[in-house]
């Protein structure tokens, strides 16, 4: 492994496991869609928004333009 990317803010504060290959460990923080309040449509939109944010970050990362 070259990179391990965590998308949970809590993980940044915890002891990390030893990964094979001594990869770079990155922490990308996204809001938690599971904490969304409201009707079904609002919750679905929150999950879709976070999914889109993660997708954009991955695209930037693999293009080499940023480590999101």
C-alpha atoms as a PDB file:
ATOM      1  CA  UNK A   1       0.000   0.000   0.000  1.00  0.00           C
ATOM      2  CA  UNK A   2       1.178   3.489  -0.804  1.00  0.00           C
ATOM      3  CA  UNK A   3      -1.602   5.481   0.859  1.00  0.00           C
ATOM      4  CA  UNK A   4      -4.188   4.910   3.564  1.00  0.00           C
ATOM      5  CA  UNK A   5      -6.922   7.519   3.622  1.00  0.00           C
ATOM      6  CA  UNK A   6      -9.294   7.876   6.534  1.00  0.00           C
ATOM      7  CA  UNK A   7     -12.460   9.920   6.132  1.00  0.00           C
ATOM      8  CA  UNK A   8     -13.385   9.964   9.799  1.00  0.00           C
ATOM      9  CA  UNK A   9     -12.296  12.882  11.952  1.00  0.00           C
ATOM     10  CA  UNK A  10     -12.269  10.666  15.037  1.00  0.00           C
ATOM     11  CA  UNK A  11      -9.702   8.359  13.451  1.00  0.00           C
ATOM     12  CA  UNK A  12      -7.144  11.171  13.338  1.00  0.00           C
ATOM     13  CA  UNK A  13      -7.104  11.197  17.148  1.00  0.00           C
ATOM     14  CA  UNK A  14      -6.781   7.431  17.583  1.00  0.00           C
ATOM     15  CA  UNK A  15      -3.722   5.217  17.446  1.00  0.00           C
ATOM     16  CA  UNK A  16      -3.356   3.998  13.907  1.00  0.00           C
ATOM     17  CA  UNK A  17      -2.578   0.400  12.991  1.00  0.00           C
ATOM     18  CA  UNK A  18       0.701  -0.473  11.346  1.00  0.00           C
ATOM     19  CA  UNK A  19       0.003  -0.824   7.660  1.00  0.00           C
ATOM     20  CA  UNK A  20       2.112  -3.020   5.386  1.00  0.00           C
ATOM     21  CA  UNK A  21       4.537  -1.117   3.195  1.00  0.00           C
ATOM     22  CA  UNK A  22       4.754   1.973   5.420  1.00  0.00           C
ATOM     23  CA  UNK A  23       2.154   3.972   3.453  1.00  0.00           C
ATOM     24  CA  UNK A  24       1.426   7.680   3.777  1.00  0.00           C
ATOM     25  CA  UNK A  25      -1.568   8.124   6.064  1.00  0.00           C
ATOM     26  CA  UNK A  26      -3.981  10.893   5.150  1.00  0.00           C
ATOM     27  CA  UNK A  27      -7.036  12.157   7.030  1.00  0.00           C
ATOM     28  CA  UNK A  28      -9.792  13.735   4.997  1.00  0.00           C
ATOM     29  CA  UNK A  29     -12.594  15.209   7.064  1.00  0.00           C
ATOM     30  CA  UNK A  30     -16.132  15.149   5.753  1.00  0.00           C
ATOM     31  CA  UNK A  31     -19.292  15.933   7.655  1.00  0.00           C
ATOM     32  CA  UNK A  32     -21.144  12.894   8.914  1.00  0.00           C
ATOM     33  CA  UNK A  33     -24.316  12.390   6.887  1.00  0.00           C
ATOM     34  CA  UNK A  34     -25.580   9.995   9.552  1.00  0.00           C
ATOM     35  CA  UNK A  35     -26.173  12.924  11.881  1.00  0.00           C
ATOM     36  CA  UNK A  36     -28.534  14.620   9.425  1.00  0.00           C
ATOM     37  CA  UNK A  37     -31.912  15.499  10.912  1.00  0.00           C
ATOM     38  CA  UNK A  38     -35.067  15.699   8.876  1.00  0.00           C
ATOM     39  CA  UNK A  39     -37.166  13.751   6.474  1.00  0.00           C
ATOM     40  CA  UNK A  40     -36.018  10.942   4.186  1.00  0.00           C
ATOM     41  CA  UNK A  41     -35.254  13.331   1.322  1.00  0.00           C
ATOM     42  CA  UNK A  42     -33.003  15.493   3.529  1.00  0.00           C
ATOM     43  CA  UNK A  43     -31.086  12.465   4.784  1.00  0.00           C
ATOM     44  CA  UNK A  44     -30.654  11.070   1.259  1.00  0.00           C
ATOM     45  CA  UNK A  45     -29.397  14.473   0.063  1.00  0.00           C
ATOM     46  CA  UNK A  46     -26.890  14.634   2.934  1.00  0.00           C
ATOM     47  CA  UNK A  47     -25.484  11.221   1.964  1.00  0.00           C
ATOM     48  CA  UNK A  48     -25.409  12.165  -1.726  1.00  0.00           C
ATOM     49  CA  UNK A  49     -23.607  15.432  -0.946  1.00  0.00           C
ATOM     50  CA  UNK A  50     -20.923  13.694   1.124  1.00  0.00           C
ATOM     51  CA  UNK A  51     -20.535  11.010  -1.538  1.00  0.00           C
ATOM     52  CA  UNK A  52     -19.995  13.741  -4.122  1.00  0.00           C
ATOM     53  CA  UNK A  53     -17.452  15.494  -1.874  1.00  0.00           C
ATOM     54  CA  UNK A  54     -15.510  12.242  -1.434  1.00  0.00           C
ATOM     55  CA  UNK A  55     -15.618  11.559  -5.165  1.00  0.00           C
ATOM     56  CA  UNK A  56     -14.238  15.029  -5.937  1.00  0.00           C
ATOM     57  CA  UNK A  57     -11.452  14.563  -3.395  1.00  0.00           C
ATOM     58  CA  UNK A  58     -10.500  11.190  -4.871  1.00  0.00           C
ATOM     59  CA  UNK A  59     -10.462  12.655  -8.386  1.00  0.00           C
ATOM     60  CA  UNK A  60      -8.164  15.496  -7.253  1.00  0.00           C
ATOM     61  CA  UNK A  61      -5.945  13.037  -5.417  1.00  0.00           C
ATOM     62  CA  UNK A  62      -5.485  10.626  -8.340  1.00  0.00           C
ATOM     63  CA  UNK A  63      -4.912  13.514 -10.750  1.00  0.00           C
ATOM     64  CA  UNK A  64      -2.061  14.675  -8.512  1.00  0.00           C
ATOM     65  CA  UNK A  65      -3.472  18.166  -8.151  1.00  0.00           C
ATOM     66  CA  UNK A  66      -4.003  17.930  -4.400  1.00  0.00           C
ATOM     67  CA  UNK A  67      -4.107  15.576  -1.479  1.00  0.00           C
ATOM     68  CA  UNK A  68      -7.621  16.853  -0.794  1.00  0.00           C
END
